[in-house]
């Protein structure tokens, strides 16, 4: 399946390896013309929900930051993976991934001693040359650089997450937000992690896209008033709890039984499931997983992931929701000496943070895998209308008799109404349908001689292949 997805993606301009003419570098992918449109649609699904429905502020911060930020956040000291190298060929490996691939076990939360013991006792060798593996060591994942000329330069790093830019701007955002909690801040952009040896295509990149939402909340009120109002509590999901037990239960029941103790976490898990459904992922392919105590970040009181069960890669983490407590604001307060506390009704406290952290590249891949279809037409993508790169493709039946000009008029009508469509007049109608289907376009519009007579066009729906005639003036409402 993965080779099929990659083949169509390369051929049709969805995604392809970066720097191809120079041999490429692992961990980097380009989004082509089709892929960029799909990615934009995925980002806008998330953006529109949080900015409109949850009334979040959207901000944009630099991707490069001075060292002090990452000292305060703990990334300089703690943001590392345990790594080993082959003593024969020098190939580096992330230890937990190497062991998981060799022994078919889960290594989440294991420390250096535990991982080293598994490698030694099971005589795990280099997959590339079968050489012996060296001792494990910590490898910091941040890209280091500097700002300014040599004489005055300061150490800096490419950000490994977008969140810290939000935290250090908290005082200013607090004033903009008229000193009210909860306050949601949304940010989407590039992050960078110098992965040891990326080997899972788009799932493990060195430059990747993130969307992180920080909800600053009163530590005494981590509820969400919409949990029971808009049916989020009724969403049913498979849940893997930190003790290893698995059950299928509604989010409302999970909260009431104390499985998901913090209501805000249960709420945003439900919101995220709904967004993934809209991207085309099926409910049976999604699972909620609670971090174990030995796996969860020390500053978090509770952390949950949404996982997609991939036919190619197994479980893929596509979202994390965490109660980060007051750790981040307090750390920046201590190092910067800037007060991050608030005063509400005479109570002075540092707000806690509920973080909702989406990857973009991973859901993008999961949307591709979920949309892949094969029937008598061949292999194609069946994207939901909200995700598809174009809403419609426009075909003039012939290149004469005023039909191309009429097609251009309809294209202009769609364009003026901000409906993405493309114009294709090459080859037979059957071939044009096939090209549109392959990249997941939901509708094809054919302009013919009857169009010139009565102002109707043939509208073909991708999945059912059903064809009906509609008035040109009806197209905008149908496509929307």
Protein backbone atom coordinates (compact mmCIF):
# COMPACT_ATOMS: atom_id res chain seq x y z
CA UNK A 1 0.00 0.00 0.00
CA UNK A 2 2.72 2.49 0.92
CA UNK A 3 4.51 2.05 -2.42
CA UNK A 4 1.19 2.64 -4.21
CA UNK A 5 0.51 5.82 -2.24
CA UNK A 6 4.03 7.08 -2.86
CA UNK A 7 3.83 6.24 -6.57
CA UNK A 8 0.61 8.22 -7.09
CA UNK A 9 1.88 11.00 -4.84
CA UNK A 10 5.08 11.45 -6.84
CA UNK A 11 3.39 11.16 -10.21
CA UNK A 12 0.50 13.49 -9.47
CA UNK A 13 2.35 16.13 -7.45
CA UNK A 14 1.04 15.30 -3.98
CA UNK A 15 4.29 14.66 -2.04
CA UNK A 16 7.77 13.59 -3.06
CA UNK A 17 11.25 13.46 -1.46
CA UNK A 18 13.04 16.79 -1.21
CA UNK A 19 16.34 17.58 -2.95
CA UNK A 20 15.80 14.73 -5.46
CA UNK A 21 18.30 15.92 -8.07
CA UNK A 22 21.05 15.82 -5.39
CA UNK A 23 20.12 12.38 -4.12
CA UNK A 24 17.76 13.54 -1.37
CA UNK A 25 18.15 13.70 2.42
CA UNK A 26 16.05 11.45 4.64
CA UNK A 27 13.44 13.18 6.76
CA UNK A 28 12.48 15.87 4.23
CA UNK A 29 9.51 15.87 1.83
CA UNK A 30 8.10 18.47 -0.57
CA UNK A 31 4.37 19.09 -0.84
CA UNK A 32 3.59 19.37 -4.54
CA UNK A 33 0.73 21.40 -6.09
CA UNK A 34 -1.94 18.81 -5.19
CA UNK A 35 -0.45 18.01 -1.79
CA UNK A 36 -0.23 21.65 -0.76
CA UNK A 37 -3.94 22.13 -1.48
CA UNK A 38 -4.82 19.01 0.54
CA UNK A 39 -2.54 20.14 3.38
CA UNK A 40 -4.13 23.61 3.36
CA UNK A 41 -7.56 22.01 3.66
CA UNK A 42 -6.46 19.86 6.62
CA UNK A 43 -4.93 22.87 8.34
CA UNK A 44 -8.04 24.95 7.73
CA UNK A 45 -10.33 22.25 9.14
CA UNK A 46 -8.40 22.51 12.40
CA UNK A 47 -7.90 26.28 12.25
CA UNK A 48 -11.53 27.08 11.54
CA UNK A 49 -12.73 24.92 14.41
CA UNK A 50 -10.47 26.42 17.06
CA UNK A 51 -10.44 30.02 15.88
CA UNK A 52 -14.19 30.21 15.18
CA UNK A 53 -15.82 27.66 17.51
CA UNK A 54 -13.41 27.89 20.45
CA UNK A 55 -12.62 31.60 19.88
CA UNK A 56 -8.88 31.07 20.05
CA UNK A 57 -6.40 33.78 19.16
CA UNK A 58 -4.12 32.76 16.28
CA UNK A 59 -0.50 33.88 16.49
CA UNK A 60 2.70 33.24 14.56
CA UNK A 61 6.14 33.16 16.22
CA UNK A 62 9.68 32.82 14.83
CA UNK A 63 11.02 29.34 14.15
CA UNK A 64 14.44 30.31 15.53
CA UNK A 65 14.84 31.20 19.22
CA UNK A 66 17.68 32.16 21.59
CA UNK A 67 19.12 29.48 23.86
CA UNK A 68 17.55 30.76 27.12
CA UNK A 69 14.06 29.77 25.97
CA UNK A 70 15.14 26.15 25.61
CA UNK A 71 17.06 26.19 28.88
CA UNK A 72 13.88 27.29 30.67
CA UNK A 73 11.69 24.77 28.86
CA UNK A 74 14.04 21.88 29.68
CA UNK A 75 14.78 21.02 26.06
CA UNK A 76 18.54 21.63 26.36
CA UNK A 77 18.79 19.10 29.15
CA UNK A 78 16.04 16.60 28.36
CA UNK A 79 15.09 16.68 24.67
CA UNK A 80 17.07 13.63 23.59
CA UNK A 81 16.64 10.11 22.22
CA UNK A 82 18.72 7.12 23.28
CA UNK A 83 20.97 6.25 20.37
CA UNK A 84 23.34 3.49 19.37
CA UNK A 85 25.72 3.14 16.43
CA UNK A 86 27.08 0.15 14.57
CA UNK A 87 30.72 -0.46 15.48
CA UNK A 88 31.34 -1.82 11.98
CA UNK A 89 29.61 0.51 9.48
CA UNK A 90 28.81 3.46 11.77
CA UNK A 91 25.06 3.50 10.99
CA UNK A 92 23.12 5.29 13.82
CA UNK A 93 19.87 3.94 15.25
CA UNK A 94 17.28 5.14 17.72
CA UNK A 95 17.45 2.36 20.31
CA UNK A 96 13.74 1.93 21.09
CA UNK A 97 12.76 1.80 17.41
CA UNK A 98 15.50 -0.73 16.67
CA UNK A 99 14.38 -3.00 19.52
CA UNK A 100 10.68 -2.67 18.64
CA UNK A 101 11.40 -3.70 15.04
CA UNK A 102 13.57 -6.65 16.10
CA UNK A 103 11.61 -8.03 19.08
CA UNK A 104 8.09 -6.84 18.13
CA UNK A 105 7.53 -5.27 21.56
CA UNK A 106 6.64 -1.79 22.80
CA UNK A 107 9.48 0.18 24.41
CA UNK A 108 7.54 3.28 25.47
CA UNK A 109 8.91 4.68 28.72
CA UNK A 110 11.98 2.42 28.94
CA UNK A 111 15.20 3.96 30.24
CA UNK A 112 18.80 3.52 29.10
CA UNK A 113 19.49 0.53 31.36
CA UNK A 114 16.36 -1.34 30.23
CA UNK A 115 17.02 -0.74 26.52
CA UNK A 116 20.70 -1.64 26.80
CA UNK A 117 19.76 -4.89 28.54
CA UNK A 118 17.35 -5.85 25.76
CA UNK A 119 20.00 -5.21 23.08
CA UNK A 120 22.66 -7.21 24.95
CA UNK A 121 20.48 -10.15 26.03
CA UNK A 122 18.89 -10.58 22.59
CA UNK A 123 22.12 -9.99 20.66
CA UNK A 124 20.49 -7.35 18.47
CA UNK A 125 22.80 -6.45 15.60
CA UNK A 126 22.98 -3.71 12.98
CA UNK A 127 20.19 -4.39 10.43
CA UNK A 128 22.40 -3.01 7.67
CA UNK A 129 25.62 -5.02 8.05
CA UNK A 130 25.02 -7.30 11.08
CA UNK A 131 27.81 -5.59 13.00
CA UNK A 132 27.77 -5.23 16.79
CA UNK A 133 26.08 -2.20 18.33
CA UNK A 134 27.91 0.28 20.55
CA UNK A 135 26.72 1.46 23.98
CA UNK A 136 23.68 3.76 24.17
CA UNK A 137 24.02 7.51 24.62
CA UNK A 138 21.74 10.57 24.74
CA UNK A 139 21.39 12.42 21.44
CA UNK A 140 19.82 15.90 21.60
CA UNK A 141 17.34 16.39 18.76
CA UNK A 142 17.52 20.17 18.37
CA UNK A 143 19.19 21.95 15.45
CA UNK A 144 21.71 24.40 16.89
CA UNK A 145 22.72 27.62 15.15
CA UNK A 146 23.56 31.22 16.08
CA UNK A 147 22.32 34.76 15.54
CA UNK A 148 24.58 37.63 14.44
CA UNK A 149 28.20 37.91 13.24
CA UNK A 150 30.91 35.87 14.97
CA UNK A 151 32.08 38.64 17.30
CA UNK A 152 28.59 39.23 18.74
CA UNK A 153 26.79 35.98 17.98
CA UNK A 154 24.43 34.36 20.45
CA UNK A 155 23.53 30.69 20.57
CA UNK A 156 20.13 29.82 19.13
CA UNK A 157 18.08 26.79 18.12
CA UNK A 158 15.45 25.94 15.55
CA UNK A 159 12.28 25.32 17.52
CA UNK A 160 11.37 21.65 18.14
CA UNK A 161 7.77 22.71 18.96
CA UNK A 162 5.62 25.80 18.49
CA UNK A 163 4.34 25.93 22.08
CA UNK A 164 7.17 27.87 23.74
CA UNK A 165 6.57 30.93 21.57
CA UNK A 166 3.04 31.05 22.96
CA UNK A 167 4.19 30.76 26.58
CA UNK A 168 6.78 33.52 26.46
CA UNK A 169 4.18 35.89 24.95
CA UNK A 170 1.65 35.10 27.68
CA UNK A 171 1.74 38.49 29.43
CA UNK A 172 0.98 40.35 26.20
CA UNK A 173 -1.73 37.86 25.19
CA UNK A 174 -3.29 38.13 28.64
CA UNK A 175 -3.75 41.86 28.12
CA UNK A 176 -5.07 41.42 24.58
CA UNK A 177 -7.53 38.84 25.90
CA UNK A 178 -8.86 41.30 28.48
CA UNK A 179 -7.56 39.27 31.40
CA UNK A 180 -10.04 36.41 31.13
CA UNK A 181 -9.69 32.65 31.49
CA UNK A 182 -9.92 30.26 29.79
CA UNK A 183 -7.86 31.79 26.98
CA UNK A 184 -7.04 29.71 23.92
CA UNK A 185 -4.06 30.47 21.68
CA UNK A 186 -3.62 28.68 18.35
CA UNK A 187 -0.40 28.44 16.37
CA UNK A 188 0.47 26.52 13.24
CA UNK A 189 3.88 26.34 11.58
CA UNK A 190 7.14 24.51 11.04
CA UNK A 191 9.16 22.77 13.74
CA UNK A 192 12.52 21.01 13.49
CA UNK A 193 13.97 17.87 15.05
CA UNK A 194 17.28 16.40 14.00
CA UNK A 195 16.02 12.82 13.98
CA UNK A 196 18.66 10.12 14.25
CA UNK A 197 17.69 8.02 11.25
CA UNK A 198 14.22 8.75 9.83
CA UNK A 199 12.88 5.60 8.19
CA UNK A 200 9.08 5.94 8.12
CA UNK A 201 8.48 8.27 5.21
CA UNK A 202 6.27 11.21 6.19
CA UNK A 203 5.77 9.93 9.74
CA UNK A 204 9.21 10.95 10.99
CA UNK A 205 10.51 14.16 9.48
CA UNK A 206 13.32 16.52 10.39
CA UNK A 207 11.31 19.55 9.30
CA UNK A 208 7.63 19.11 9.92
CA UNK A 209 4.34 20.94 10.39
CA UNK A 210 2.66 21.35 13.76
CA UNK A 211 -0.57 22.84 15.01
CA UNK A 212 -0.58 23.41 18.76
CA UNK A 213 -3.34 24.98 20.83
CA UNK A 214 -2.66 26.19 24.37
CA UNK A 215 -5.64 26.76 26.64
CA UNK A 216 -4.67 28.78 29.69
CA UNK A 217 -7.06 27.79 32.46
CA UNK A 218 -7.78 28.31 36.13
CA UNK A 219 -6.17 25.35 37.98
CA UNK A 220 -9.42 25.02 39.95
CA UNK A 221 -11.60 24.77 36.83
CA UNK A 222 -10.54 22.32 34.12
CA UNK A 223 -14.03 21.69 32.80
CA UNK A 224 -15.52 22.58 29.42
CA UNK A 225 -19.09 23.84 29.28
CA UNK A 226 -19.63 22.37 25.82
CA UNK A 227 -18.77 18.77 26.76
CA UNK A 228 -22.42 17.76 27.24
CA UNK A 229 -23.98 20.44 25.02
CA UNK A 230 -22.78 19.43 21.56
CA UNK A 231 -22.73 15.62 21.81
CA UNK A 232 -18.96 15.37 22.32
CA UNK A 233 -19.68 13.29 25.44
CA UNK A 234 -21.61 10.79 23.27
CA UNK A 235 -18.69 9.93 20.99
CA UNK A 236 -17.71 6.29 21.42
CA UNK A 237 -14.10 5.22 21.02
CA UNK A 238 -11.65 2.45 21.75
CA UNK A 239 -9.56 3.47 24.75
CA UNK A 240 -6.24 2.01 25.91
CA UNK A 241 -5.73 2.95 29.56
CA UNK A 242 -2.30 3.31 31.19
CA UNK A 243 -2.69 -0.03 33.06
CA UNK A 244 -2.86 -1.81 29.69
CA UNK A 245 -6.61 -2.53 29.69
CA UNK A 246 -8.60 -1.71 26.55
CA UNK A 247 -12.28 -0.88 26.37
CA UNK A 248 -14.84 0.74 24.09
CA UNK A 249 -16.82 3.45 25.81
CA UNK A 250 -18.27 6.94 25.28
CA UNK A 251 -16.22 9.93 26.35
CA UNK A 252 -18.96 10.92 28.78
CA UNK A 253 -18.80 7.52 30.49
CA UNK A 254 -14.99 7.61 30.46
CA UNK A 255 -15.05 10.95 32.30
CA UNK A 256 -17.80 9.98 34.75
CA UNK A 257 -15.95 6.77 35.67
CA UNK A 258 -12.70 8.64 36.23
CA UNK A 259 -10.88 7.04 33.29
CA UNK A 260 -10.36 10.47 31.71
CA UNK A 261 -10.34 12.52 34.89
CA UNK A 262 -9.99 16.01 33.42
CA UNK A 263 -13.12 17.02 31.53
CA UNK A 264 -11.26 19.47 29.26
CA UNK A 265 -9.01 16.63 28.08
CA UNK A 266 -12.03 14.42 27.34
CA UNK A 267 -13.65 17.30 25.46
CA UNK A 268 -10.69 18.06 23.21
CA UNK A 269 -10.10 14.37 22.51
CA UNK A 270 -13.69 14.27 21.24
CA UNK A 271 -13.27 17.43 19.19
CA UNK A 272 -10.15 15.96 17.60
CA UNK A 273 -11.85 12.66 16.78
CA UNK A 274 -14.58 14.60 14.97
CA UNK A 275 -11.96 16.52 12.98
CA UNK A 276 -10.19 13.28 12.00
CA UNK A 277 -13.54 11.78 10.92
CA UNK A 278 -14.00 14.81 8.65
CA UNK A 279 -10.55 14.12 7.15
CA UNK A 280 -11.83 10.68 6.11
CA UNK A 281 -10.44 8.50 8.90
CA UNK A 282 -12.85 5.78 9.99
CA UNK A 283 -13.79 5.50 13.70
CA UNK A 284 -12.59 1.88 13.86
CA UNK A 285 -9.11 3.03 12.78
CA UNK A 286 -8.77 5.49 15.68
CA UNK A 287 -7.94 4.81 19.32
CA UNK A 288 -7.33 6.87 22.44
CA UNK A 289 -4.27 5.93 24.49
CA UNK A 290 -3.33 7.20 27.93
CA UNK A 291 0.37 7.69 28.68
CA UNK A 292 1.72 5.45 31.41
CA UNK A 293 3.20 7.08 34.51
CA UNK A 294 6.74 6.09 33.48
CA UNK A 295 6.17 7.47 29.97
CA UNK A 296 4.36 10.73 30.70
CA UNK A 297 6.35 13.97 30.93
CA UNK A 298 7.13 14.71 34.58
CA UNK A 299 5.31 18.06 34.50
CA UNK A 300 2.08 16.62 33.06
CA UNK A 301 -0.72 15.44 35.34
CA UNK A 302 -2.29 13.44 32.49
CA UNK A 303 -1.56 12.93 28.78
CA UNK A 304 -3.62 11.20 26.08
CA UNK A 305 -2.90 10.46 22.43
CA UNK A 306 -5.17 9.82 19.48
CA UNK A 307 -3.66 6.99 17.44
CA UNK A 308 -4.45 5.95 13.89
CA UNK A 309 -4.06 2.22 13.26
CA UNK A 310 -2.26 2.21 9.93
CA UNK A 311 -2.28 -0.78 7.59
CA UNK A 312 1.37 0.04 6.81
CA UNK A 313 2.96 1.41 9.99
CA UNK A 314 0.77 0.09 12.80
CA UNK A 315 -0.15 2.62 15.49
CA UNK A 316 0.59 6.21 14.51
CA UNK A 317 0.28 9.04 17.03
CA UNK A 318 -1.54 11.93 15.36
CA UNK A 319 -2.55 14.06 18.36
CA UNK A 320 -1.60 14.60 21.98
CA UNK A 321 -3.73 16.28 24.66
CA UNK A 322 -1.98 17.06 27.91
CA UNK A 323 -2.44 18.93 31.17
CA UNK A 324 0.94 20.70 31.35
CA UNK A 325 0.00 22.30 34.70
CA UNK A 326 1.86 25.58 35.39
CA UNK A 327 5.26 24.13 34.45
CA UNK A 328 6.02 26.18 31.33
CA UNK A 329 4.89 29.57 32.61
CA UNK A 330 6.67 29.01 35.92
CA UNK A 331 9.92 27.98 34.20
CA UNK A 332 9.93 31.09 32.02
CA UNK A 333 8.99 33.21 35.03
CA UNK A 334 11.94 31.86 37.00
CA UNK A 335 14.56 32.39 34.26
CA UNK A 336 13.27 35.65 32.75
CA UNK A 337 12.28 37.17 36.13
CA UNK A 338 9.00 38.28 34.48
CA UNK A 339 5.82 37.69 36.49
CA UNK A 340 3.51 35.18 34.76
CA UNK A 341 0.83 35.14 37.46
CA UNK A 342 -2.68 36.54 37.10
CA UNK A 343 -5.10 38.00 39.61
CA UNK A 344 -8.74 36.97 39.34
CA UNK A 345 -11.20 37.99 42.04
CA UNK A 346 -8.38 38.46 44.51
CA UNK A 347 -6.77 35.09 43.78
CA UNK A 348 -3.21 35.29 42.46
CA UNK A 349 -1.95 32.22 40.59
CA UNK A 350 0.00 31.03 37.56
CA UNK A 351 -2.48 29.59 35.00
CA UNK A 352 -2.34 25.95 34.04
CA UNK A 353 -2.22 24.88 30.39
CA UNK A 354 -4.28 22.27 28.56
CA UNK A 355 -2.36 21.62 25.34
CA UNK A 356 -3.83 20.11 22.17
CA UNK A 357 -0.94 19.22 19.85
CA UNK A 358 -1.66 18.12 16.28
CA UNK A 359 0.87 16.99 13.77
CA UNK A 360 -0.09 17.96 10.23
CA UNK A 361 2.12 15.62 8.18
CA UNK A 362 0.96 12.48 9.98
CA UNK A 363 -2.78 13.17 9.62
CA UNK A 364 -2.02 14.10 6.00
CA UNK A 365 -0.52 10.65 5.42
CA UNK A 366 -3.36 8.97 7.34
CA UNK A 367 -5.88 10.82 5.16
CA UNK A 368 -4.10 9.47 2.05
CA UNK A 369 -4.16 5.92 3.40
CA UNK A 370 -7.82 6.24 4.44
CA UNK A 371 -8.87 7.59 1.04
CA UNK A 372 -7.11 4.98 -1.12
CA UNK A 373 -9.57 2.93 -3.20
CA UNK A 374 -9.36 0.33 -5.95
CA UNK A 375 -12.13 -0.85 -8.28
CA UNK A 376 -12.65 -1.38 -12.01
CA UNK A 377 -11.36 2.17 -12.58
CA UNK A 378 -8.00 1.30 -11.01
CA UNK A 379 -6.46 2.93 -7.94
CA UNK A 380 -7.60 6.38 -6.86
CA UNK A 381 -8.20 8.60 -3.83
CA UNK A 382 -11.69 9.15 -2.43
CA UNK A 383 -11.06 12.24 -0.32
CA UNK A 384 -13.90 13.88 1.62
CA UNK A 385 -15.03 17.05 -0.09
CA UNK A 386 -13.48 19.20 2.66
CA UNK A 387 -10.05 17.64 2.04
CA UNK A 388 -9.93 17.13 -1.74
CA UNK A 389 -7.44 19.39 -3.58
CA UNK A 390 -10.15 20.63 -5.98
CA UNK A 391 -13.91 20.57 -5.59
CA UNK A 392 -14.47 20.09 -9.32
CA UNK A 393 -12.78 19.52 -12.65
CA UNK A 394 -14.14 21.19 -15.78
CA UNK A 395 -14.16 19.40 -19.15
CA UNK A 396 -15.13 20.91 -22.51
CA UNK A 397 -16.51 18.02 -24.58
CA UNK A 398 -14.82 19.31 -27.73
CA UNK A 399 -12.35 22.10 -28.54
CA UNK A 400 -14.66 23.99 -30.92
CA UNK A 401 -18.14 25.48 -31.43
CA UNK A 402 -17.76 27.91 -28.52
CA UNK A 403 -17.61 25.13 -25.92
CA UNK A 404 -14.09 26.01 -24.61
CA UNK A 405 -15.21 29.62 -24.19
CA UNK A 406 -18.33 28.52 -22.27
CA UNK A 407 -16.16 26.29 -20.09
CA UNK A 408 -13.95 29.27 -19.28
CA UNK A 409 -17.04 31.26 -18.25
CA UNK A 410 -18.03 28.51 -15.79
CA UNK A 411 -14.46 28.31 -14.50
CA UNK A 412 -14.52 32.07 -13.85
CA UNK A 413 -17.86 31.69 -12.06
CA UNK A 414 -16.41 29.07 -9.72
CA UNK A 415 -13.22 31.05 -9.22
CA UNK A 416 -15.11 34.21 -8.34
CA UNK A 417 -17.02 32.22 -5.72
CA UNK A 418 -13.73 30.88 -4.30
CA UNK A 419 -14.37 27.29 -5.36
CA UNK A 420 -11.15 25.53 -6.36
CA UNK A 421 -11.48 23.81 -9.71
CA UNK A 422 -9.27 22.94 -12.64
CA UNK A 423 -9.74 22.90 -16.38
CA UNK A 424 -8.73 19.81 -18.38
CA UNK A 425 -9.24 19.42 -22.14
CA UNK A 426 -6.57 16.83 -22.93
CA UNK A 427 -7.57 13.34 -24.09
CA UNK A 428 -10.90 11.54 -24.02
CA UNK A 429 -13.57 12.23 -21.41
CA UNK A 430 -12.86 8.80 -19.90
CA UNK A 431 -9.18 9.60 -19.44
CA UNK A 432 -10.05 12.96 -17.93
CA UNK A 433 -12.43 11.31 -15.46
CA UNK A 434 -9.66 8.87 -14.52
CA UNK A 435 -7.14 11.67 -13.87
CA UNK A 436 -9.63 13.56 -11.72
CA UNK A 437 -10.55 10.41 -9.77
CA UNK A 438 -6.92 9.55 -9.15
CA UNK A 439 -6.29 12.76 -7.18
CA UNK A 440 -9.66 12.56 -5.43
CA UNK A 441 -11.68 15.36 -7.09
CA UNK A 442 -15.32 14.88 -5.95
CA UNK A 443 -17.09 16.27 -9.06
CA UNK A 444 -16.51 16.48 -12.80
CA UNK A 445 -18.41 19.04 -14.88
CA UNK A 446 -18.73 18.40 -18.63
CA UNK A 447 -19.68 21.27 -20.94
CA UNK A 448 -21.25 20.17 -24.24
CA UNK A 449 -23.51 21.40 -27.06
CA UNK A 450 -26.60 21.08 -24.88
CA UNK A 451 -24.98 23.54 -22.47
CA UNK A 452 -25.05 26.17 -25.21
CA UNK A 453 -28.75 25.44 -25.81
CA UNK A 454 -30.26 25.27 -22.31
CA UNK A 455 -27.53 26.33 -19.87
CA UNK A 456 -27.14 22.90 -18.25
CA UNK A 457 -24.00 20.82 -17.68
CA UNK A 458 -23.36 17.19 -16.82
CA UNK A 459 -22.26 16.79 -13.21
CA UNK A 460 -20.57 13.48 -12.36
CA UNK A 461 -20.04 12.43 -8.74
CA UNK A 462 -16.76 10.60 -8.12
CA UNK A 463 -17.72 7.82 -5.72
CA UNK A 464 -21.10 6.78 -7.18
CA UNK A 465 -20.16 7.74 -10.78
CA UNK A 466 -23.73 9.06 -11.02
CA UNK A 467 -24.28 11.70 -13.73
CA UNK A 468 -27.05 14.32 -13.74
CA UNK A 469 -27.69 17.53 -15.62
CA UNK A 470 -27.89 20.76 -13.65
CA UNK A 471 -28.32 24.42 -14.44
CA UNK A 472 -25.06 26.37 -14.37
CA UNK A 473 -26.48 28.70 -11.72
CA UNK A 474 -27.07 25.69 -9.42
CA UNK A 475 -23.40 24.65 -9.41
CA UNK A 476 -22.24 27.02 -6.66
CA UNK A 477 -24.77 25.74 -4.13
CA UNK A 478 -24.12 22.09 -5.05
CA UNK A 479 -20.33 22.38 -4.81
CA UNK A 480 -20.49 24.25 -1.52
